[in-house]
C-alpha atoms as a PDB file:
ATOM      1  CA  MET A   1      -3.117   2.326  19.393  1.00  0.00           C
ATOM      2  CA  TYR A   2      -3.190  -0.977  17.347  1.00  0.00           C
ATOM      3  CA  ASN A   3      -1.284  -3.882  19.026  1.00  0.00           C
ATOM      4  CA  TYR A   4       1.290  -4.887  16.585  1.00  0.00           C
ATOM      5  CA  THR A   5       1.901  -8.171  18.045  1.00  0.00           C
ATOM      6  CA  GLU A   6      -1.267  -9.348  17.047  1.00  0.00           C
ATOM      7  CA  TYR A   7      -0.729  -9.650  13.354  1.00  0.00           C
ATOM      8  CA  VAL A   8      -3.310 -12.117  12.186  1.00  0.00           C
ATOM      9  CA  HIS A   9      -7.050 -11.571  13.110  1.00  0.00           C
ATOM     10  CA  LYS A  10     -10.171 -13.387  12.647  1.00  0.00           C
ATOM     11  CA  ARG A  11     -13.559 -11.520  13.027  1.00  0.00           C
ATOM     12  CA  VAL A  12     -17.062 -12.143  11.994  1.00  0.00           C
ATOM     13  CA  ILE A  13     -18.229  -9.325   9.812  1.00  0.00           C
ATOM     14  CA  ASP A  14     -21.362  -8.527   7.949  1.00  0.00           C
ATOM     15  CA  LEU A  15     -20.777  -9.083   4.214  1.00  0.00           C
ATOM     16  CA  LYS A  16     -24.116  -8.457   3.046  1.00  0.00           C
ATOM     17  CA  LYS A  17     -22.655  -5.111   1.431  1.00  0.00           C
ATOM     18  CA  ILE A  18     -19.604  -5.290  -0.649  1.00  0.00           C
ATOM     19  CA  ALA A  19     -17.710  -2.638  -2.490  1.00  0.00           C
ATOM     20  CA  LEU A  20     -16.201  -3.387  -5.886  1.00  0.00           C
ATOM     21  CA  VAL A  21     -13.177  -1.403  -7.147  1.00  0.00           C
ATOM     22  CA  ILE A  22     -12.254  -2.125 -10.724  1.00  0.00           C
ATOM     23  CA  ASN A  23      -9.170  -1.391 -12.884  1.00  0.00           C
ATOM     24  CA  PHE A  24     -10.821  -1.273 -16.312  1.00  0.00           C
ATOM     25  CA  ASP A  25      -7.612  -0.902 -17.999  1.00  0.00           C
ATOM     26  CA  LYS A  26      -6.672  -4.613 -17.245  1.00  0.00           C
ATOM     27  CA  GLU A  27      -7.368  -6.877 -19.942  1.00  0.00           C
ATOM     28  CA  ASN A  28     -10.877  -8.826 -19.436  1.00  0.00           C
ATOM     29  CA  ALA A  29     -11.868  -6.365 -16.657  1.00  0.00           C
ATOM     30  CA  ILE A  30     -15.218  -5.995 -17.756  1.00  0.00           C
ATOM     31  CA  GLY A  31     -15.949  -9.656 -18.302  1.00  0.00           C
ATOM     32  CA  THR A  32     -14.423 -10.388 -14.857  1.00  0.00           C
ATOM     33  CA  MET A  33     -16.652  -7.872 -13.239  1.00  0.00           C
ATOM     34  CA  ARG A  34     -19.639  -9.453 -15.064  1.00  0.00           C
ATOM     35  CA  GLU A  35     -18.873 -12.921 -13.842  1.00  0.00           C
ATOM     36  CA  LEU A  36     -17.950 -11.821 -10.258  1.00  0.00           C
ATOM     37  CA  VAL A  37     -21.256  -9.783  -9.971  1.00  0.00           C
ATOM     38  CA  SER A  38     -23.413 -12.704 -11.327  1.00  0.00           C
ATOM     39  CA  LEU A  39     -21.722 -14.982  -8.692  1.00  0.00           C
ATOM     40  CA  LEU A  40     -22.749 -12.259  -5.888  1.00  0.00           C
ATOM     41  CA  SER A  41     -26.046 -11.318  -7.283  1.00  0.00           C
ATOM     42  CA  GLY A  42     -28.896 -12.170  -4.786  1.00  0.00           C
ATOM     43  CA  LYS A  43     -26.552 -13.110  -2.045  1.00  0.00           C
ATOM     44  CA  ALA A  44     -25.117  -9.572  -1.358  1.00  0.00           C
ATOM     45  CA  GLU A  45     -25.633  -5.892  -1.903  1.00  0.00           C
ATOM     46  CA  ILE A  46     -23.028  -4.853  -4.476  1.00  0.00           C
ATOM     47  CA  TYR A  47     -21.786  -1.167  -4.431  1.00  0.00           C
ATOM     48  CA  SER A  48     -19.480   0.575  -6.703  1.00  0.00           C
ATOM     49  CA  SER A  49     -18.549   3.954  -7.803  1.00  0.00           C
ATOM     50  CA  PRO A  50     -20.070   5.325 -11.050  1.00  0.00           C
ATOM     51  CA  SER A  51     -18.106   4.346 -14.215  1.00  0.00           C
ATOM     52  CA  ASP A  52     -18.246   5.644 -17.866  1.00  0.00           C
ATOM     53  CA  VAL A  53     -17.230   2.091 -18.987  1.00  0.00           C
ATOM     54  CA  LEU A  54     -19.674  -0.300 -17.446  1.00  0.00           C
ATOM     55  CA  THR A  55     -23.054   0.036 -15.609  1.00  0.00           C
ATOM     56  CA  LEU A  56     -24.679  -3.181 -14.328  1.00  0.00           C
ATOM     57  CA  PRO A  57     -28.425  -3.331 -12.960  1.00  0.00           C
ATOM     58  CA  GLU A  58     -27.296  -5.695 -10.087  1.00  0.00           C
ATOM     59  CA  VAL A  59     -24.851  -3.061  -8.770  1.00  0.00           C
ATOM     60  CA  ILE A  60     -25.718   0.196  -6.586  1.00  0.00           C
ATOM     61  CA  TYR A  61     -23.674   3.241  -7.700  1.00  0.00           C
ATOM     62  CA  LYS A  62     -22.808   5.522  -4.876  1.00  0.00           C
ATOM     63  CA  ASP A  63     -19.767   7.975  -4.739  1.00  0.00           C
ATOM     64  CA  GLU A  64     -16.675   6.564  -3.461  1.00  0.00           C
ATOM     65  CA  ASN A  65     -16.988   7.735   0.218  1.00  0.00           C
ATOM     66  CA  GLU A  66     -20.529   6.330   0.515  1.00  0.00           C
ATOM     67  CA  CYS A  67     -19.492   2.932  -0.968  1.00  0.00           C
ATOM     68  CA  PHE A  68     -16.560   2.733   1.555  1.00  0.00           C
ATOM     69  CA  SER A  69     -18.459   3.912   4.469  1.00  0.00           C
ATOM     70  CA  GLN A  70     -21.267   1.531   3.889  1.00  0.00           C
ATOM     71  CA  CYS A  71     -19.447  -1.606   3.265  1.00  0.00           C
ATOM     72  CA  SER A  72     -17.449  -3.606   5.488  1.00  0.00           C
ATOM     73  CA  THR A  73     -15.586  -5.572   2.792  1.00  0.00           C
ATOM     74  CA  VAL A  74     -13.951  -4.072  -0.477  1.00  0.00           C
ATOM     75  CA  ALA A  75     -13.192  -6.407  -3.468  1.00  0.00           C
ATOM     76  CA  VAL A  76     -10.336  -4.969  -5.655  1.00  0.00           C
ATOM     77  CA  LEU A  77     -10.256  -6.419  -9.403  1.00  0.00           C
ATOM     78  CA  GLY A  78      -6.648  -5.346 -10.579  1.00  0.00           C
ATOM     79  CA  GLY A  79      -3.064  -5.602  -9.866  1.00  0.00           C
ATOM     80  CA  ASP A  80      -0.783  -4.519  -7.104  1.00  0.00           C
ATOM     81  CA  GLY A  81      -1.045  -0.769  -7.981  1.00  0.00           C
ATOM     82  CA  THR A  82      -4.925  -0.727  -7.732  1.00  0.00           C
ATOM     83  CA  ILE A  83      -4.680  -2.627  -4.509  1.00  0.00           C
ATOM     84  CA  ILE A  84      -2.137  -0.111  -3.053  1.00  0.00           C
ATOM     85  CA  SER A  85      -4.335   2.875  -4.140  1.00  0.00           C
ATOM     86  CA  THR A  86      -7.484   1.432  -2.665  1.00  0.00           C
ATOM     87  CA  ALA A  87      -5.855   0.331   0.568  1.00  0.00           C
ATOM     88  CA  LYS A  88      -5.575   4.118   1.766  1.00  0.00           C
ATOM     89  CA  LYS A  89      -9.193   4.584   1.356  1.00  0.00           C
ATOM     90  CA  CYS A  90     -10.004   1.267   2.935  1.00  0.00           C
ATOM     91  CA  ALA A  91      -7.847   2.298   5.844  1.00  0.00           C
ATOM     92  CA  ARG A  92      -9.919   5.463   6.762  1.00  0.00           C
ATOM     93  CA  TYR A  93     -13.122   3.378   7.012  1.00  0.00           C
ATOM     94  CA  GLY A  94     -11.531   0.221   8.581  1.00  0.00           C
ATOM     95  CA  ASN A  95     -12.764  -2.001   5.516  1.00  0.00           C
ATOM     96  CA  VAL A  96     -11.183  -5.494   4.963  1.00  0.00           C
ATOM     97  CA  LEU A  97      -9.444  -5.490   1.456  1.00  0.00           C
ATOM     98  CA  VAL A  98      -9.865  -8.588  -0.870  1.00  0.00           C
ATOM     99  CA  GLY A  99      -7.569  -8.411  -3.826  1.00  0.00           C
ATOM    100  CA  ILE A 100      -8.446 -10.293  -6.862  1.00  0.00           C
ATOM    101  CA  ASN A 101      -5.669 -10.278  -9.201  1.00  0.00           C
ATOM    102  CA  THR A 102      -6.323  -9.326 -12.940  1.00  0.00           C
ATOM    103  CA  GLY A 103      -2.851  -7.893 -13.299  1.00  0.00           C
ATOM    104  CA  ASN A 104       0.562  -9.332 -13.694  1.00  0.00           C
ATOM    105  CA  LEU A 105       2.394 -10.004 -10.369  1.00  0.00           C
ATOM    106  CA  GLY A 106      -0.370  -9.678  -8.200  1.00  0.00           C
ATOM    107  CA  TYR A 107       1.772 -10.059  -5.157  1.00  0.00           C
ATOM    108  CA  LEU A 108      -0.573  -8.613  -2.598  1.00  0.00           C
ATOM    109  CA  SER A 109      -3.639 -10.141  -3.880  1.00  0.00           C
ATOM    110  CA  THR A 110      -5.671 -12.631  -2.043  1.00  0.00           C
ATOM    111  CA  ILE A 111      -6.937 -14.746  -5.001  1.00  0.00           C
ATOM    112  CA  GLU A 112      -6.371 -15.192  -8.733  1.00  0.00           C
ATOM    113  CA  GLY A 113      -8.693 -13.526 -11.192  1.00  0.00           C
ATOM    114  CA  THR A 114      -9.177 -16.876 -12.830  1.00  0.00           C
ATOM    115  CA  ASN A 115     -10.737 -18.394  -9.764  1.00  0.00           C
ATOM    116  CA  LEU A 116     -13.847 -15.972  -9.245  1.00  0.00           C
ATOM    117  CA  GLU A 117     -15.837 -18.849  -7.518  1.00  0.00           C
ATOM    118  CA  GLU A 118     -13.280 -18.909  -4.752  1.00  0.00           C
ATOM    119  CA  ALA A 119     -13.429 -15.066  -4.721  1.00  0.00           C
ATOM    120  CA  ALA A 120     -17.117 -15.069  -4.305  1.00  0.00           C
ATOM    121  CA  LYS A 121     -17.053 -17.563  -1.493  1.00  0.00           C
ATOM    122  CA  THR A 122     -14.502 -15.723   0.176  1.00  0.00           C
ATOM    123  CA  LEU A 123     -16.348 -12.400  -0.159  1.00  0.00           C
ATOM    124  CA  LEU A 124     -19.848 -14.058   0.972  1.00  0.00           C
ATOM    125  CA  SER A 125     -18.098 -15.845   3.936  1.00  0.00           C
ATOM    126  CA  GLY A 126     -19.181 -14.597   7.343  1.00  0.00           C
ATOM    127  CA  GLU A 127     -15.571 -15.024   8.391  1.00  0.00           C
ATOM    128  CA  ILE A 128     -12.465 -13.501   6.945  1.00  0.00           C
ATOM    129  CA  HIS A 129      -8.989 -13.790   8.012  1.00  0.00           C
ATOM    130  CA  TYR A 130      -6.784 -10.871   7.509  1.00  0.00           C
ATOM    131  CA  ASP A 131      -3.374  -9.403   8.063  1.00  0.00           C
ATOM    132  CA  SER A 132      -3.114  -5.710   9.828  1.00  0.00           C
ATOM    133  CA  ARG A 133      -0.277  -4.001   7.680  1.00  0.00           C
ATOM    134  CA  TYR A 134       1.071  -1.026   9.321  1.00  0.00           C
ATOM    135  CA  MET A 135       1.332   2.188   7.143  1.00  0.00           C
ATOM    136  CA  LEU A 136       3.524   5.204   7.082  1.00  0.00           C
ATOM    137  CA  CYS A 137       2.681   8.882   7.766  1.00  0.00           C
ATOM    138  CA  ILE A 138       4.539  11.198   5.670  1.00  0.00           C
ATOM    139  CA  LYS A 139       4.774  15.096   6.358  1.00  0.00           C
ATOM    140  CA  LEU A 140       6.392  17.854   4.648  1.00  0.00           C
ATOM    141  CA  PHE A 141       7.804  20.859   6.555  1.00  0.00           C
ATOM    142  CA  ARG A 142       8.542  23.988   4.626  1.00  0.00           C
ATOM    143  CA  GLY A 143      10.021  26.973   6.491  1.00  0.00           C
ATOM    144  CA  GLY A 144       9.552  24.790   9.930  1.00  0.00           C
ATOM    145  CA  LYS A 145       5.810  24.674   9.233  1.00  0.00           C
ATOM    146  CA  LEU A 146       3.936  21.547   8.378  1.00  0.00           C
ATOM    147  CA  THR A 147       2.541  21.894   4.664  1.00  0.00           C
ATOM    148  CA  GLU A 148       1.378  18.584   3.433  1.00  0.00           C
ATOM    149  CA  SER A 149       0.921  15.036   4.660  1.00  0.00           C
ATOM    150  CA  CYS A 150      -0.179  11.836   3.218  1.00  0.00           C
ATOM    151  CA  HIS A 151      -0.156   7.834   4.062  1.00  0.00           C
ATOM    152  CA  ALA A 152       1.719   4.982   2.456  1.00  0.00           C
ATOM    153  CA  LEU A 153       1.102   1.325   2.446  1.00  0.00           C
ATOM    154  CA  ASN A 154       4.475   0.514   0.567  1.00  0.00           C
ATOM    155  CA  GLU A 155       6.965   3.297   0.729  1.00  0.00           C
ATOM    156  CA  VAL A 156       8.077   6.913   0.226  1.00  0.00           C
ATOM    157  CA  VAL A 157      10.868   7.686  -2.162  1.00  0.00           C
ATOM    158  CA  ILE A 158      13.031  10.841  -2.265  1.00  0.00           C
ATOM    159  CA  THR A 159      14.904  11.217  -5.469  1.00  0.00           C
ATOM    160  CA  ARG A 160      17.287  13.957  -6.697  1.00  0.00           C
ATOM    161  CA  GLY A 161      15.728  16.567  -9.035  1.00  0.00           C
ATOM    162  CA  THR A 162      18.844  17.335 -11.233  1.00  0.00           C
ATOM    163  CA  SER A 163      21.412  15.482 -12.973  1.00  0.00           C
ATOM    164  CA  HIS A 164      23.843  15.828 -10.056  1.00  0.00           C
ATOM    165  CA  LEU A 165      24.070  13.171  -7.144  1.00  0.00           C
ATOM    166  CA  THR A 166      22.434  14.585  -4.011  1.00  0.00           C
ATOM    167  CA  ASN A 167      23.293  14.179  -0.343  1.00  0.00           C
ATOM    168  CA  PHE A 168      20.223  12.463   1.473  1.00  0.00           C
ATOM    169  CA  THR A 169      20.468  12.236   5.263  1.00  0.00           C
ATOM    170  CA  ALA A 170      18.092  10.561   7.713  1.00  0.00           C
ATOM    171  CA  TYR A 171      18.012  11.512  11.396  1.00  0.00           C
ATOM    172  CA  ASP A 172      16.066  10.374  14.473  1.00  0.00           C
ATOM    173  CA  LEU A 173      14.413  12.736  16.520  1.00  0.00           C
ATOM    174  CA  HIS A 174      17.503  13.092  18.888  1.00  0.00           C
ATOM    175  CA  ARG A 175      19.230  14.412  15.773  1.00  0.00           C
ATOM    176  CA  THR A 176      21.193  11.016  15.731  1.00  0.00           C
ATOM    177  CA  THR A 177      22.177  10.419  11.986  1.00  0.00           C
ATOM    178  CA  LEU A 178      20.849   6.987  10.879  1.00  0.00           C
ATOM    179  CA  SER A 179      22.417   7.144   7.622  1.00  0.00           C
ATOM    180  CA  SER A 180      23.604   9.569   4.949  1.00  0.00           C
ATOM    181  CA  TYR A 181      23.989   8.703   1.363  1.00  0.00           C
ATOM    182  CA  ARG A 182      25.277  10.545  -1.821  1.00  0.00           C
ATOM    183  CA  ALA A 183      23.118   8.950  -4.269  1.00  0.00           C
ATOM    184  CA  ASP A 184      20.171   9.190  -6.748  1.00  0.00           C
ATOM    185  CA  GLY A 185      17.687   8.757  -3.824  1.00  0.00           C
ATOM    186  CA  MET A 186      16.770   7.212  -0.683  1.00  0.00           C
ATOM    187  CA  ILE A 187      13.633   4.721  -0.029  1.00  0.00           C
ATOM    188  CA  VAL A 188      11.832   4.259   3.242  1.00  0.00           C
ATOM    189  CA  ALA A 189       9.683   1.270   3.295  1.00  0.00           C
ATOM    190  CA  THR A 190       7.339  -0.701   5.476  1.00  0.00           C
ATOM    191  CA  PRO A 191       7.718  -4.604   5.741  1.00  0.00           C
ATOM    192  CA  THR A 192       4.700  -4.598   3.045  1.00  0.00           C
ATOM    193  CA  GLY A 193       6.924  -2.453   0.817  1.00  0.00           C
ATOM    194  CA  SER A 194      10.110  -4.412   1.352  1.00  0.00           C
ATOM    195  CA  THR A 195       9.275  -6.466  -1.860  1.00  0.00           C
ATOM    196  CA  ALA A 196       8.505  -3.482  -4.004  1.00  0.00           C
ATOM    197  CA  TYR A 197      10.918  -0.744  -4.832  1.00  0.00           C
ATOM    198  CA  SER A 198      13.228  -1.294  -2.029  1.00  0.00           C
ATOM    199  CA  LEU A 199      13.972  -4.707  -3.247  1.00  0.00           C
ATOM    200  CA  SER A 200      14.653  -3.750  -6.686  1.00  0.00           C
ATOM    201  CA  ALA A 201      17.166  -1.445  -5.193  1.00  0.00           C
ATOM    202  CA  GLY A 202      18.981  -3.933  -3.291  1.00  0.00           C
ATOM    203  CA  GLY A 203      17.046  -3.936   0.026  1.00  0.00           C
ATOM    204  CA  SER A 204      16.230  -6.701   2.135  1.00  0.00           C
ATOM    205  CA  VAL A 205      13.058  -8.766   2.272  1.00  0.00           C
ATOM    206  CA  ILE A 206      11.176  -8.191   5.576  1.00  0.00           C
ATOM    207  CA  SER A 207       8.466 -10.358   6.821  1.00  0.00           C
ATOM    208  CA  PRO A 208       5.236  -8.403   6.835  1.00  0.00           C
ATOM    209  CA  ASP A 209       4.706  -9.166  10.636  1.00  0.00           C
ATOM    210  CA  ALA A 210       7.989  -7.511  11.475  1.00  0.00           C
ATOM    211  CA  ASP A 211       7.649  -4.283  13.579  1.00  0.00           C
ATOM    212  CA  VAL A 212      10.639  -2.414  11.458  1.00  0.00           C
ATOM    213  CA  MET A 213      11.360   0.101   8.814  1.00  0.00           C
ATOM    214  CA  ILE A 214      13.868  -0.455   6.068  1.00  0.00           C
ATOM    215  CA  LEU A 215      15.933   2.505   4.589  1.00  0.00           C
ATOM    216  CA  THR A 216      17.491   1.800   1.119  1.00  0.00           C
ATOM    217  CA  PRO A 217      19.728   3.928  -1.017  1.00  0.00           C
ATOM    218  CA  ILE A 218      19.161   4.222  -4.714  1.00  0.00           C
ATOM    219  CA  CYS A 219      22.395   3.975  -6.709  1.00  0.00           C
ATOM    220  CA  PRO A 220      24.588   5.175  -3.822  1.00  0.00           C
ATOM    221  CA  HIS A 221      28.056   6.597  -4.987  1.00  0.00           C
ATOM    222  CA  THR A 222      30.028   4.170  -2.677  1.00  0.00           C
ATOM    223  CA  LEU A 223      30.806   0.473  -2.467  1.00  0.00           C
ATOM    224  CA  ARG A 224      29.789   0.297   1.259  1.00  0.00           C
ATOM    225  CA  ALA A 225      26.108   1.540   1.203  1.00  0.00           C
ATOM    226  CA  ARG A 226      23.564  -1.025   2.363  1.00  0.00           C
ATOM    227  CA  SER A 227      19.918  -0.927   3.513  1.00  0.00           C
ATOM    228  CA  ILE A 228      19.376  -0.213   7.274  1.00  0.00           C
ATOM    229  CA  VAL A 229      16.539  -1.901   9.218  1.00  0.00           C
ATOM    230  CA  PHE A 230      15.443  -0.352  12.280  1.00  0.00           C
ATOM    231  CA  PRO A 231      12.638   0.226  14.765  1.00  0.00           C
ATOM    232  CA  PRO A 232       9.609   2.236  13.360  1.00  0.00           C
ATOM    233  CA  LYS A 233      10.203   5.198  15.235  1.00  0.00           C
ATOM    234  CA  PRO A 234       9.727   8.814  13.644  1.00  0.00           C
ATOM    235  CA  ILE A 235      12.668   9.933  11.415  1.00  0.00           C
ATOM    236  CA  LYS A 236      13.500  13.224   9.434  1.00  0.00           C
ATOM    237  CA  ILE A 237      15.085  13.149   6.137  1.00  0.00           C
ATOM    238  CA  THR A 238      16.753  16.085   4.375  1.00  0.00           C
ATOM    239  CA  ALA A 239      18.506  16.592   0.892  1.00  0.00           C
ATOM    240  CA  ASP A 240      21.136  19.203  -0.086  1.00  0.00           C
ATOM    241  CA  GLY A 241      19.291  20.021  -3.452  1.00  0.00           C
ATOM    242  CA  ASP A 242      15.846  20.042  -4.986  1.00  0.00           C
ATOM    243  CA  SER A 243      14.249  16.754  -4.891  1.00  0.00           C
ATOM    244  CA  GLU A 244      11.061  14.971  -5.611  1.00  0.00           C
ATOM    245  CA  ILE A 245       8.881  12.835  -3.242  1.00  0.00           C
ATOM    246  CA  THR A 246       6.827   9.990  -4.413  1.00  0.00           C
ATOM    247  CA  VAL A 247       4.615   7.941  -2.098  1.00  0.00           C
ATOM    248  CA  ASP A 248       3.509   4.388  -3.413  1.00  0.00           C
ATOM    249  CA  GLY A 249       4.565   5.302  -6.860  1.00  0.00           C
ATOM    250  CA  GLN A 250       2.365   8.447  -6.724  1.00  0.00           C
ATOM    251  CA  PHE A 251       3.990  12.150  -6.941  1.00  0.00           C
ATOM    252  CA  PHE A 252       3.635  13.859  -3.460  1.00  0.00           C
ATOM    253  CA  ALA A 253       5.693  17.103  -3.486  1.00  0.00           C
ATOM    254  CA  ASN A 254       8.889  18.604  -4.328  1.00  0.00           C
ATOM    255  CA  LEU A 255      11.459  19.062  -1.652  1.00  0.00           C
ATOM    256  CA  GLU A 256      13.243  22.297  -1.845  1.00  0.00           C
ATOM    257  CA  ASN A 257      16.215  23.538  -0.087  1.00  0.00           C
ATOM    258  CA  ASN A 258      15.801  23.816   3.744  1.00  0.00           C
ATOM    259  CA  ASP A 259      12.532  21.732   3.388  1.00  0.00           C
ATOM    260  CA  TYR A 260      12.342  18.405   5.084  1.00  0.00           C
ATOM    261  CA  ILE A 261      10.014  15.280   5.781  1.00  0.00           C
ATOM    262  CA  THR A 262       9.233  13.389   8.554  1.00  0.00           C
ATOM    263  CA  VAL A 263       8.217   9.599   8.267  1.00  0.00           C
ATOM    264  CA  GLU A 264       6.404   7.646  11.079  1.00  0.00           C
ATOM    265  CA  LYS A 265       3.911   4.869  11.731  1.00  0.00           C
ATOM    266  CA  SER A 266       0.448   5.960  10.559  1.00  0.00           C
ATOM    267  CA  GLU A 267      -2.482   5.832  12.832  1.00  0.00           C
ATOM    268  CA  TYR A 268      -4.049   3.612   9.963  1.00  0.00           C
ATOM    269  CA  VAL A 269      -3.583   0.099   8.939  1.00  0.00           C
ATOM    270  CA  THR A 270      -4.690  -1.846   5.940  1.00  0.00           C
ATOM    271  CA  LYS A 271      -6.741  -4.878   6.715  1.00  0.00           C
ATOM    272  CA  LEU A 272      -5.496  -7.242   3.934  1.00  0.00           C
ATOM    273  CA  ALA A 273      -7.456 -10.645   3.414  1.00  0.00           C
ATOM    274  CA  ARG A 274      -5.143 -13.488   3.591  1.00  0.00           C
ATOM    275  CA  SER A 275      -4.103 -15.763   1.110  1.00  0.00           C
ATOM    276  CA  GLU A 276      -4.156 -19.542   1.657  1.00  0.00           C
ATOM    277  CA  LEU A 277      -0.417 -19.395   0.827  1.00  0.00           C
ATOM    278  CA  SER A 278       1.999 -18.130   3.659  1.00  0.00           C
ATOM    279  CA  PHE A 279       4.204 -15.091   2.957  1.00  0.00           C
ATOM    280  CA  TYR A 280       7.074 -17.411   2.130  1.00  0.00           C
ATOM    281  CA  ASP A 281       5.114 -19.479  -0.228  1.00  0.00           C
ATOM    282  CA  ILE A 282       4.010 -16.445  -1.948  1.00  0.00           C
ATOM    283  CA  LEU A 283       7.579 -15.097  -1.951  1.00  0.00           C
ATOM    284  CA  GLN A 284       8.730 -18.347  -3.738  1.00  0.00           C
ATOM    285  CA  LYS A 285       5.871 -18.503  -6.137  1.00  0.00           C
ATOM    286  CA  LYS A 286       5.831 -14.821  -7.122  1.00  0.00           C
ATOM    287  CA  LEU A 287       9.619 -13.630  -7.022  1.00  0.00           C
END
């Protein structure tokens, strides 16, 4: 198992093979990719998945699994959403993810897309500093049987499926109630996700090296409801009505009567290349 006290790592890795993931919906995405590929060309093997938008002779096109399995480093050109969706794929293969921001906030990015020379220097370097961000494993149980599971870097969100407020309750595995809210929903976030939806819902900011989870209600019908920060032990969540589950902003499943989910630490971690700025510098600059 991963030792979560060893937060920041430094290792020597072979950067001869670099996978590119591009969000072509972003403005100037094609120009940015062309420029980055030009800076890397002849100094590294560049891999990417086939695209209907752009094909470059300097890039080796393979299916996604081949790209990620053959490359130790993945460069993501996009915003936080692209980084989060790519993180789950990187986690399976142990890739180091270097985020190059071509979006708006770019909170998880390592480098701004306006500084591609720095990006290329980082990608071609023999050494990369990275943070290991722990992830969540979410499992859906129906009729007492496991039916689906997935992983999250930021959070899992359970929201009411009707116009009526719903009772959401979180237990630990000893059936001790952690919290119960009559609300629009409930968020369980990692420290990485504490600056995302949980923050917007009134949750606390948690340093990414903290070994905790945060439970935040969404629009609770009470004046006393607050987020709860607790050790990342497995928990169980139920709802007294039909609800919807989203994971890192993507639909996961519907939660029907008598269904429940469990949330625990995933076996995977996201290896996120570090910015030159500290977490607190980024917090002040971005938020």
